[in-house]
Amino acid sequence: MSEEAKLREEICLLAKSIFDRGLTCGASGNISARLSDGTLLMTPTGSSMGFLDPARISRLDENLQLISGDRPTKEIPLHTAFYETRTGTGAVVHLHSTHSVALSMLPETDPDNVLPPLTPYSIMRLGKVKLLPFFLPGDAAMGDAVRGLAGQRSAVLLANHGPVVAGKDLWAATYAMEELEETAKLALLTQGKHPRMLTAENVAAVRAMRRK
């Protein structure tokens, strides 16, 4: 199986898993992945994560012109901003997952680091997650906002919209996205209950481990 065929199959496999577990619904969310020749595969606009056809996944050249497949997601600027600013990015996942979106709406959420230090895994897989302002879906300004972070964040949370995560490959980006949603869920479940969080020393130790 060719690299492209394998990646098309993996996009559909992971997208269906995401959809079946309720992490995104209807025709929401989108995934992209980069091939070794620099071209991109992206889920088509208006498509459901649960019912993707590998042959219809959009393929874009290095100038973002459609080579094959259906018309791509309108969130192209959001995805390409991560590829442009974070060396080694191999895939980007964007969802409308419920708990992450809910966390983005709360006034007490720290815009510089939306996830409280509840477990080591969100720190290892995501680092600090930035809350970005609300943008209209498909607005190219979302990409500009990501570029403004100068590659310092692998994940952002779009206010009233949803999370976006970049990873070294499709599996890493998906696992990190799932960690973001589960940590957001934990944050909401423990809100107002004064949970025991990781200490500053704990967080520093986990970050040091992540850099190794």
Foldseek 3Di string as FASTA:
>chain_A
DDPLLVVLVVQLVLLLVCDVVPQAYQQWKKKKFADPQGKMWIQAARHHSNDDDSQQTWIADNVRHTDHHHHHHLQVLLFVLLVVQAPLWGMKIWHQGDLLQVLLADPPQDQFARFFQADLVLCLLWNGEHEDEADDPSDSVNSVVSVVVRNPGQKYAYHNGTIMGTDNHDVSRSVSRVVSSVRSVVCVVCPPVPDDGDDPVRSVVSNVVSVD
